[in-house]
PDB file of N, CA and C in Angstrom:
ATOM      1  N   MET A   1     -13.707  17.339  -4.616  1.00  0.00           N
ATOM      2  CA  MET A   1     -12.746  17.865  -4.616  1.00  0.00           C
ATOM      3  C   MET A   1     -12.367  18.831  -3.878  1.00  0.00           C
ATOM      4  N   ALA A   2     -13.205  19.764  -4.046  1.00  0.00           N
ATOM      5  CA  ALA A   2     -12.928  21.325  -3.026  1.00  0.00           C
ATOM      6  C   ALA A   2     -13.231  20.758  -1.784  1.00  0.00           C
ATOM      7  N   TRP A   3     -14.230  20.113  -1.356  1.00  0.00           N
ATOM      8  CA  TRP A   3     -14.196  19.635   0.082  1.00  0.00           C
ATOM      9  C   TRP A   3     -12.771  19.370   0.568  1.00  0.00           C
ATOM     10  N   ARG A   4     -12.246  18.099  -0.352  1.00  0.00           N
ATOM     11  CA  ARG A   4     -10.863  17.893   0.209  1.00  0.00           C
ATOM     12  C   ARG A   4      -9.721  18.834   0.090  1.00  0.00           C
ATOM     13  N   LEU A   5     -10.060  19.363  -0.375  1.00  0.00           N
ATOM     14  CA  LEU A   5      -8.968  20.653  -0.603  1.00  0.00           C
ATOM     15  C   LEU A   5      -8.901  21.575   0.271  1.00  0.00           C
ATOM     16  N   ALA A   6     -10.230  21.885   0.738  1.00  0.00           N
ATOM     17  CA  ALA A   6     -10.529  22.794   1.895  1.00  0.00           C
ATOM     18  C   ALA A   6      -9.829  22.127   3.581  1.00  0.00           C
ATOM     19  N   ARG A   7     -10.204  20.701   3.550  1.00  0.00           N
ATOM     20  CA  ARG A   7      -9.802  19.774   4.512  1.00  0.00           C
ATOM     21  C   ARG A   7      -8.231  19.721   4.600  1.00  0.00           C
ATOM     22  N   GLY A   8      -7.269  19.917   3.664  1.00  0.00           N
ATOM     23  CA  GLY A   8      -6.455  19.339   3.293  1.00  0.00           C
ATOM     24  C   GLY A   8      -6.309  17.678   3.664  1.00  0.00           C
ATOM     25  N   GLU A   9      -7.036  17.342   2.801  1.00  0.00           N
ATOM     26  CA  GLU A   9      -6.634  15.881   2.259  1.00  0.00           C
ATOM     27  C   GLU A   9      -6.098  15.676   1.065  1.00  0.00           C
ATOM     28  N   THR A  10      -5.669  16.232   0.391  1.00  0.00           N
ATOM     29  CA  THR A  10      -4.805  16.231  -0.728  1.00  0.00           C
ATOM     30  C   THR A  10      -3.725  16.441  -0.720  1.00  0.00           C
ATOM     31  N   ASP A  11      -2.651  16.144  -1.758  1.00  0.00           N
ATOM     32  CA  ASP A  11      -1.449  16.934  -1.792  1.00  0.00           C
ATOM     33  C   ASP A  11      -1.704  17.923  -2.645  1.00  0.00           C
ATOM     34  N   ALA A  12      -2.247  17.805  -3.530  1.00  0.00           N
ATOM     35  CA  ALA A  12      -2.631  19.508  -4.126  1.00  0.00           C
ATOM     36  C   ALA A  12      -1.860  20.493  -3.801  1.00  0.00           C
ATOM     37  N   ALA A  13      -1.700  20.808  -2.880  1.00  0.00           N
ATOM     38  CA  ALA A  13      -0.923  21.937  -2.504  1.00  0.00           C
ATOM     39  C   ALA A  13       0.546  21.656  -1.607  1.00  0.00           C
ATOM     40  N   PRO A  14       1.562  21.067  -1.733  1.00  0.00           N
ATOM     41  CA  PRO A  14       2.578  20.672  -0.970  1.00  0.00           C
ATOM     42  C   PRO A  14       3.452  22.073   0.219  1.00  0.00           C
ATOM     43  N   ARG A  15       3.299  21.684   1.132  1.00  0.00           N
ATOM     44  CA  ARG A  15       3.742  22.819   2.123  1.00  0.00           C
ATOM     45  C   ARG A  15       5.486  22.858   2.330  1.00  0.00           C
ATOM     46  N   CYS A  16       5.633  24.361   2.071  1.00  0.00           N
ATOM     47  CA  CYS A  16       7.040  24.523   2.252  1.00  0.00           C
ATOM     48  C   CYS A  16       7.214  24.470   3.716  1.00  0.00           C
ATOM     49  N   MET A  17       8.027  23.912   4.377  1.00  0.00           N
ATOM     50  CA  MET A  17       8.445  24.314   5.968  1.00  0.00           C
ATOM     51  C   MET A  17       9.797  23.873   5.852  1.00  0.00           C
ATOM     52  N   ASP A  18      10.361  24.834   7.242  1.00  0.00           N
ATOM     53  CA  ASP A  18      11.550  24.561   7.368  1.00  0.00           C
ATOM     54  C   ASP A  18      11.414  23.545   8.073  1.00  0.00           C
ATOM     55  N   PRO A  19      13.036  22.831   8.138  1.00  0.00           N
ATOM     56  CA  PRO A  19      13.171  21.686   9.753  1.00  0.00           C
ATOM     57  C   PRO A  19      13.300  22.110  11.072  1.00  0.00           C
ATOM     58  N   PHE A  20      12.682  21.554  11.866  1.00  0.00           N
ATOM     59  CA  PHE A  20      12.624  22.392  13.282  1.00  0.00           C
ATOM     60  C   PHE A  20      13.499  21.189  13.915  1.00  0.00           C
ATOM     61  N   VAL A  21      14.465  22.088  14.788  1.00  0.00           N
ATOM     62  CA  VAL A  21      15.228  20.976  15.900  1.00  0.00           C
ATOM     63  C   VAL A  21      15.171  21.660  16.898  1.00  0.00           C
ATOM     64  N   TRP A  22      14.697  20.453  18.173  1.00  0.00           N
ATOM     65  CA  TRP A  22      14.489  21.072  19.597  1.00  0.00           C
ATOM     66  C   TRP A  22      15.993  20.766  20.045  1.00  0.00           C
ATOM     67  N   LYS A  23      16.407  22.331  20.678  1.00  0.00           N
ATOM     68  CA  LYS A  23      17.543  21.609  21.076  1.00  0.00           C
ATOM     69  C   LYS A  23      17.358  21.665  22.581  1.00  0.00           C
ATOM     70  N   PRO A  24      17.849  20.942  23.733  1.00  0.00           N
ATOM     71  CA  PRO A  24      18.205  21.565  24.717  1.00  0.00           C
ATOM     72  C   PRO A  24      18.989  22.668  25.618  1.00  0.00           C
ATOM     73  N   THR A  25      18.248  22.919  26.903  1.00  0.00           N
ATOM     74  CA  THR A  25      18.535  24.426  26.849  1.00  0.00           C
ATOM     75  C   THR A  25      20.106  23.494  28.192  1.00  0.00           C
ATOM     76  N   GLN A  26      21.018  24.267  28.634  1.00  0.00           N
ATOM     77  CA  GLN A  26      22.076  24.138  29.609  1.00  0.00           C
ATOM     78  C   GLN A  26      21.079  23.253  30.885  1.00  0.00           C
ATOM     79  N   SER A  27      19.906  23.472  31.258  1.00  0.00           N
ATOM     80  CA  SER A  27      19.269  23.146  32.541  1.00  0.00           C
ATOM     81  C   SER A  27      18.530  21.880  32.056  1.00  0.00           C
ATOM     82  N   GLU A  28      17.961  21.466  30.995  1.00  0.00           N
ATOM     83  CA  GLU A  28      17.370  20.507  30.390  1.00  0.00           C
ATOM     84  C   GLU A  28      18.693  19.193  30.425  1.00  0.00           C
ATOM     85  N   LEU A  29      19.878  19.716  29.372  1.00  0.00           N
ATOM     86  CA  LEU A  29      21.071  19.035  29.619  1.00  0.00           C
ATOM     87  C   LEU A  29      21.668  18.687  31.373  1.00  0.00           C
ATOM     88  N   LYS A  30      21.385  19.299  31.834  1.00  0.00           N
ATOM     89  CA  LYS A  30      22.156  18.901  33.649  1.00  0.00           C
ATOM     90  C   LYS A  30      21.085  17.517  34.171  1.00  0.00           C
ATOM     91  N   VAL A  31      19.371  17.995  33.692  1.00  0.00           N
ATOM     92  CA  VAL A  31      19.058  16.818  34.426  1.00  0.00           C
ATOM     93  C   VAL A  31      18.324  15.981  33.496  1.00  0.00           C
ATOM     94  N   GLY A  32      19.007  16.107  32.338  1.00  0.00           N
ATOM     95  CA  GLY A  32      19.067  14.977  31.293  1.00  0.00           C
ATOM     96  C   GLY A  32      17.080  14.813  30.795  1.00  0.00           C
ATOM     97  N   LYS A  33      16.089  15.761  30.711  1.00  0.00           N
ATOM     98  CA  LYS A  33      15.142  15.509  30.316  1.00  0.00           C
ATOM     99  C   LYS A  33      14.987  17.047  29.983  1.00  0.00           C
ATOM    100  N   MET A  34      13.861  16.544  28.676  1.00  0.00           N
ATOM    101  CA  MET A  34      13.359  18.079  28.296  1.00  0.00           C
ATOM    102  C   MET A  34      11.555  17.507  28.149  1.00  0.00           C
ATOM    103  N   ASN A  35      10.833  18.424  28.436  1.00  0.00           N
ATOM    104  CA  ASN A  35       9.853  17.962  28.212  1.00  0.00           C
ATOM    105  C   ASN A  35       8.461  19.333  27.602  1.00  0.00           C
ATOM    106  N   ILE A  36       8.546  18.409  26.607  1.00  0.00           N
ATOM    107  CA  ILE A  36       7.502  19.485  25.494  1.00  0.00           C
ATOM    108  C   ILE A  36       6.342  19.151  25.126  1.00  0.00           C
ATOM    109  N   GLN A  37       5.189  19.925  25.536  1.00  0.00           N
ATOM    110  CA  GLN A  37       3.789  19.517  24.955  1.00  0.00           C
ATOM    111  C   GLN A  37       2.894  19.990  24.131  1.00  0.00           C
ATOM    112  N   TYR A  38       2.429  18.963  23.215  1.00  0.00           N
ATOM    113  CA  TYR A  38       1.439  19.564  21.612  1.00  0.00           C
ATOM    114  C   TYR A  38       0.299  19.735  22.248  1.00  0.00           C
ATOM    115  N   SER A  39      -0.371  20.552  21.845  1.00  0.00           N
ATOM    116  CA  SER A  39      -1.603  20.596  22.434  1.00  0.00           C
ATOM    117  C   SER A  39      -2.527  20.956  21.345  1.00  0.00           C
ATOM    118  N   THR A  40      -3.274  20.173  20.581  1.00  0.00           N
ATOM    119  CA  THR A  40      -4.084  20.027  19.403  1.00  0.00           C
ATOM    120  C   THR A  40      -4.971  21.173  19.165  1.00  0.00           C
ATOM    121  N   SER A  41      -5.941  21.729  20.175  1.00  0.00           N
ATOM    122  CA  SER A  41      -6.592  22.285  20.144  1.00  0.00           C
ATOM    123  C   SER A  41      -6.354  23.860  20.393  1.00  0.00           C
ATOM    124  N   ARG A  42      -5.088  24.005  20.842  1.00  0.00           N
ATOM    125  CA  ARG A  42      -4.404  25.588  21.049  1.00  0.00           C
ATOM    126  C   ARG A  42      -3.546  25.981  19.838  1.00  0.00           C
ATOM    127  N   ASN A  43      -2.960  24.336  19.117  1.00  0.00           N
ATOM    128  CA  ASN A  43      -2.402  24.186  17.815  1.00  0.00           C
ATOM    129  C   ASN A  43      -0.570  25.041  18.231  1.00  0.00           C
ATOM    130  N   LYS A  44      -0.313  24.415  19.786  1.00  0.00           N
ATOM    131  CA  LYS A  44       0.839  24.703  19.628  1.00  0.00           C
ATOM    132  C   LYS A  44       1.556  24.018  20.681  1.00  0.00           C
ATOM    133  N   TYR A  45       3.202  24.207  20.381  1.00  0.00           N
ATOM    134  CA  TYR A  45       4.177  23.405  21.688  1.00  0.00           C
ATOM    135  C   TYR A  45       4.351  24.020  22.836  1.00  0.00           C
ATOM    136  N   VAL A  46       4.528  24.062  23.834  1.00  0.00           N
ATOM    137  CA  VAL A  46       4.976  24.413  25.114  1.00  0.00           C
ATOM    138  C   VAL A  46       5.917  23.617  25.549  1.00  0.00           C
ATOM    139  N   ARG A  47       7.005  24.361  25.946  1.00  0.00           N
ATOM    140  CA  ARG A  47       8.228  23.727  26.773  1.00  0.00           C
ATOM    141  C   ARG A  47       8.230  24.372  28.022  1.00  0.00           C
ATOM    142  N   SER A  48       8.383  23.772  28.821  1.00  0.00           N
ATOM    143  CA  SER A  48       7.992  23.746  30.343  1.00  0.00           C
ATOM    144  C   SER A  48       9.113  24.593  30.604  1.00  0.00           C
ATOM    145  N   VAL A  49      10.370  24.390  29.955  1.00  0.00           N
ATOM    146  CA  VAL A  49      11.501  25.153  30.833  1.00  0.00           C
ATOM    147  C   VAL A  49      11.221  27.013  29.910  1.00  0.00           C
ATOM    148  N   GLY A  50      11.282  27.814  30.478  1.00  0.00           N
ATOM    149  CA  GLY A  50      11.024  29.031  29.900  1.00  0.00           C
ATOM    150  C   GLY A  50       9.848  29.088  29.210  1.00  0.00           C
ATOM    151  N   MET A  51       8.627  28.587  29.158  1.00  0.00           N
ATOM    152  CA  MET A  51       7.861  28.721  28.461  1.00  0.00           C
ATOM    153  C   MET A  51       7.985  29.017  27.152  1.00  0.00           C
ATOM    154  N   GLU A  52       8.896  28.709  26.595  1.00  0.00           N
ATOM    155  CA  GLU A  52       8.761  28.764  25.184  1.00  0.00           C
ATOM    156  C   GLU A  52       7.252  28.229  24.359  1.00  0.00           C
ATOM    157  N   GLU A  53       6.997  29.099  23.521  1.00  0.00           N
ATOM    158  CA  GLU A  53       5.753  28.258  22.877  1.00  0.00           C
ATOM    159  C   GLU A  53       6.292  28.339  21.264  1.00  0.00           C
ATOM    160  N   VAL A  54       5.962  27.271  20.637  1.00  0.00           N
ATOM    161  CA  VAL A  54       6.091  27.421  19.235  1.00  0.00           C
ATOM    162  C   VAL A  54       4.824  26.965  18.564  1.00  0.00           C
ATOM    163  N   GLU A  55       4.261  28.269  17.641  1.00  0.00           N
ATOM    164  CA  GLU A  55       2.563  28.036  17.579  1.00  0.00           C
ATOM    165  C   GLU A  55       2.494  26.972  15.972  1.00  0.00           C
ATOM    166  N   GLY A  56       1.762  26.144  16.101  1.00  0.00           N
ATOM    167  CA  GLY A  56       1.826  25.087  14.688  1.00  0.00           C
ATOM    168  C   GLY A  56       2.186  24.293  14.476  1.00  0.00           C
ATOM    169  N   TRP A  57       1.414  23.075  14.485  1.00  0.00           N
ATOM    170  CA  TRP A  57       2.330  21.916  14.761  1.00  0.00           C
ATOM    171  C   TRP A  57       3.561  21.309  13.622  1.00  0.00           C
ATOM    172  N   GLU A  58       3.254  22.248  12.448  1.00  0.00           N
ATOM    173  CA  GLU A  58       4.699  21.852  11.240  1.00  0.00           C
ATOM    174  C   GLU A  58       5.231  22.370  12.029  1.00  0.00           C
ATOM    175  N   ASN A  59       5.767  23.600  12.364  1.00  0.00           N
ATOM    176  CA  ASN A  59       6.660  24.168  12.948  1.00  0.00           C
ATOM    177  C   ASN A  59       7.582  23.596  13.971  1.00  0.00           C
ATOM    178  N   GLY A  60       6.930  22.284  14.709  1.00  0.00           N
ATOM    179  CA  GLY A  60       7.620  22.092  15.802  1.00  0.00           C
ATOM    180  C   GLY A  60       8.037  20.623  15.498  1.00  0.00           C
ATOM    181  N   THR A  61       7.725  20.601  13.719  1.00  0.00           N
ATOM    182  CA  THR A  61       8.398  19.536  13.616  1.00  0.00           C
ATOM    183  C   THR A  61      10.091  19.849  12.437  1.00  0.00           C
ATOM    184  N   PHE A  62      10.548  18.163  12.378  1.00  0.00           N
ATOM    185  CA  PHE A  62      11.818  18.471  11.273  1.00  0.00           C
ATOM    186  C   PHE A  62      11.095  17.971  10.181  1.00  0.00           C
ATOM    187  N   GLN A  63      10.636  16.962   9.699  1.00  0.00           N
ATOM    188  CA  GLN A  63       9.848  16.819   8.585  1.00  0.00           C
ATOM    189  C   GLN A  63       8.646  16.247   8.579  1.00  0.00           C
ATOM    190  N   VAL A  64       7.506  16.405   7.490  1.00  0.00           N
ATOM    191  CA  VAL A  64       6.449  15.688   7.586  1.00  0.00           C
ATOM    192  C   VAL A  64       5.644  15.413   6.437  1.00  0.00           C
ATOM    193  N   LYS A  65       5.370  13.887   6.512  1.00  0.00           N
ATOM    194  CA  LYS A  65       4.573  13.610   5.073  1.00  0.00           C
ATOM    195  C   LYS A  65       3.252  13.303   5.038  1.00  0.00           C
ATOM    196  N   SER A  66       2.200  13.788   4.821  1.00  0.00           N
ATOM    197  CA  SER A  66       0.881  12.915   4.707  1.00  0.00           C
ATOM    198  C   SER A  66      -0.124  13.310   5.968  1.00  0.00           C
ATOM    199  N   VAL A  67       0.228  14.185   6.695  1.00  0.00           N
ATOM    200  CA  VAL A  67      -0.043  14.547   7.826  1.00  0.00           C
ATOM    201  C   VAL A  67      -0.888  15.740   7.893  1.00  0.00           C
ATOM    202  N   SER A  68      -2.251  15.845   8.558  1.00  0.00           N
ATOM    203  CA  SER A  68      -2.675  17.105   8.818  1.00  0.00           C
ATOM    204  C   SER A  68      -3.660  17.307  10.002  1.00  0.00           C
ATOM    205  N   ARG A  69      -3.847  18.568  10.193  1.00  0.00           N
ATOM    206  CA  ARG A  69      -4.104  18.630  11.601  1.00  0.00           C
ATOM    207  C   ARG A  69      -5.615  18.545  11.047  1.00  0.00           C
ATOM    208  N   LYS A  70      -6.599  18.387  11.715  1.00  0.00           N
ATOM    209  CA  LYS A  70      -8.157  18.635  11.458  1.00  0.00           C
ATOM    210  C   LYS A  70      -9.011  19.605  12.349  1.00  0.00           C
ATOM    211  N   GLU A  71      -9.627  19.685  12.123  1.00  0.00           N
ATOM    212  CA  GLU A  71     -10.321  20.693  12.941  1.00  0.00           C
ATOM    213  C   GLU A  71     -12.039  20.752  12.241  1.00  0.00           C
ATOM    214  N   GLU A  72     -12.911  19.963  13.509  1.00  0.00           N
ATOM    215  CA  GLU A  72     -14.010  19.318  12.997  1.00  0.00           C
ATOM    216  C   GLU A  72     -14.944  20.139  14.491  1.00  0.00           C
ATOM    217  N   LYS A  73     -15.343  21.169  13.887  1.00  0.00           N
ATOM    218  CA  LYS A  73     -16.031  22.814  14.605  1.00  0.00           C
ATOM    219  C   LYS A  73     -17.841  22.327  14.776  1.00  0.00           C
ATOM    220  N   ASP A  74     -18.015  21.558  13.897  1.00  0.00           N
ATOM    221  CA  ASP A  74     -19.421  20.480  14.537  1.00  0.00           C
ATOM    222  C   ASP A  74     -19.425  19.950  15.641  1.00  0.00           C
ATOM    223  N   TRP A  75     -18.148  18.888  15.680  1.00  0.00           N
ATOM    224  CA  TRP A  75     -18.096  17.967  16.711  1.00  0.00           C
ATOM    225  C   TRP A  75     -16.864  18.831  18.096  1.00  0.00           C
ATOM    226  N   LYS A  76     -16.237  19.911  17.729  1.00  0.00           N
ATOM    227  CA  LYS A  76     -15.922  20.574  19.043  1.00  0.00           C
ATOM    228  C   LYS A  76     -14.908  19.486  19.014  1.00  0.00           C
ATOM    229  N   MET A  77     -13.701  19.383  17.880  1.00  0.00           N
ATOM    230  CA  MET A  77     -12.613  18.574  18.287  1.00  0.00           C
ATOM    231  C   MET A  77     -11.846  18.847  17.640  1.00  0.00           C
ATOM    232  N   THR A  78     -10.222  18.934  17.736  1.00  0.00           N
ATOM    233  CA  THR A  78      -9.072  18.939  16.712  1.00  0.00           C
ATOM    234  C   THR A  78      -8.381  17.711  16.944  1.00  0.00           C
ATOM    235  N   TYR A  79      -7.907  17.118  15.738  1.00  0.00           N
ATOM    236  CA  TYR A  79      -6.730  16.226  15.731  1.00  0.00           C
ATOM    237  C   TYR A  79      -5.746  16.243  14.908  1.00  0.00           C
ATOM    238  N   LEU A  80      -4.968  15.457  14.733  1.00  0.00           N
ATOM    239  CA  LEU A  80      -3.984  15.229  13.712  1.00  0.00           C
ATOM    240  C   LEU A  80      -4.042  14.037  13.306  1.00  0.00           C
ATOM    241  N   ALA A  81      -4.185  14.111  11.868  1.00  0.00           N
ATOM    242  CA  ALA A  81      -4.564  12.498  10.732  1.00  0.00           C
ATOM    243  C   ALA A  81      -3.975  12.408  10.097  1.00  0.00           C
ATOM    244  N   ARG A  82      -3.590  11.300   9.322  1.00  0.00           N
ATOM    245  CA  ARG A  82      -2.631  10.790   8.397  1.00  0.00           C
ATOM    246  C   ARG A  82      -3.587  10.800   7.312  1.00  0.00           C
ATOM    247  N   THR A  83      -3.185  10.915   6.237  1.00  0.00           N
ATOM    248  CA  THR A  83      -3.601  10.528   4.712  1.00  0.00           C
ATOM    249  C   THR A  83      -2.621   9.763   4.055  1.00  0.00           C
ATOM    250  N   GLY A  84      -3.008   8.382   3.750  1.00  0.00           N
ATOM    251  CA  GLY A  84      -2.155   7.575   3.388  1.00  0.00           C
ATOM    252  C   GLY A  84      -0.769   6.787   3.995  1.00  0.00           C
ATOM    253  N   LYS A  85       0.179   6.617   3.249  1.00  0.00           N
ATOM    254  CA  LYS A  85       0.998   6.432   4.110  1.00  0.00           C
ATOM    255  C   LYS A  85       1.962   7.914   5.167  1.00  0.00           C
ATOM    256  N   THR A  86       2.399   7.310   6.142  1.00  0.00           N
ATOM    257  CA  THR A  86       2.075   8.780   6.754  1.00  0.00           C
ATOM    258  C   THR A  86       4.033   8.328   7.621  1.00  0.00           C
ATOM    259  N   ILE A  87       4.808   9.168   7.430  1.00  0.00           N
ATOM    260  CA  ILE A  87       5.906   9.861   7.741  1.00  0.00           C
ATOM    261  C   ILE A  87       5.853  11.052   8.416  1.00  0.00           C
ATOM    262  N   LEU A  88       6.568  10.729   9.992  1.00  0.00           N
ATOM    263  CA  LEU A  88       6.140  11.873  10.624  1.00  0.00           C
ATOM    264  C   LEU A  88       7.732  11.927  11.737  1.00  0.00           C
ATOM    265  N   PHE A  89       8.232  12.750  11.082  1.00  0.00           N
ATOM    266  CA  PHE A  89       9.840  12.889  11.777  1.00  0.00           C
ATOM    267  C   PHE A  89      10.053  14.221  13.218  1.00  0.00           C
ATOM    268  N   LEU A  90       9.907  13.615  14.334  1.00  0.00           N
ATOM    269  CA  LEU A  90      10.239  15.105  15.109  1.00  0.00           C
ATOM    270  C   LEU A  90      11.512  14.471  15.863  1.00  0.00           C
ATOM    271  N   PHE A  91      12.406  15.381  15.514  1.00  0.00           N
ATOM    272  CA  PHE A  91      13.945  14.927  16.093  1.00  0.00           C
ATOM    273  C   PHE A  91      13.944  15.635  17.198  1.00  0.00           C
ATOM    274  N   ILE A  92      14.212  15.127  18.689  1.00  0.00           N
ATOM    275  CA  ILE A  92      14.979  16.023  19.506  1.00  0.00           C
ATOM    276  C   ILE A  92      16.363  15.589  19.932  1.00  0.00           C
ATOM    277  N   PHE A  93      17.100  16.541  19.877  1.00  0.00           N
ATOM    278  CA  PHE A  93      18.462  16.103  20.274  1.00  0.00           C
ATOM    279  C   PHE A  93      18.963  17.026  21.895  1.00  0.00           C
TER     280      PHE A  93
END
């Protein structure tokens, strides 16, 4: 159980987070396109216009349930993984 808790694979410690909504800038509205990329290794969202950065994968989402970021140091990889039934909402308006 301690190993699963350390890896964030249990619902024992639910995280409180504020919903995040990506809002388009005037230049994005003008061209009708937003470009937001997420890097699992850096754990950041980067927006191409203005080079805005949002730290932490949860901080760029509206609502998350049963998803966690995994960091496998021995395999030198990071990824987002689901646990059980997954609901991941990323709303962009």
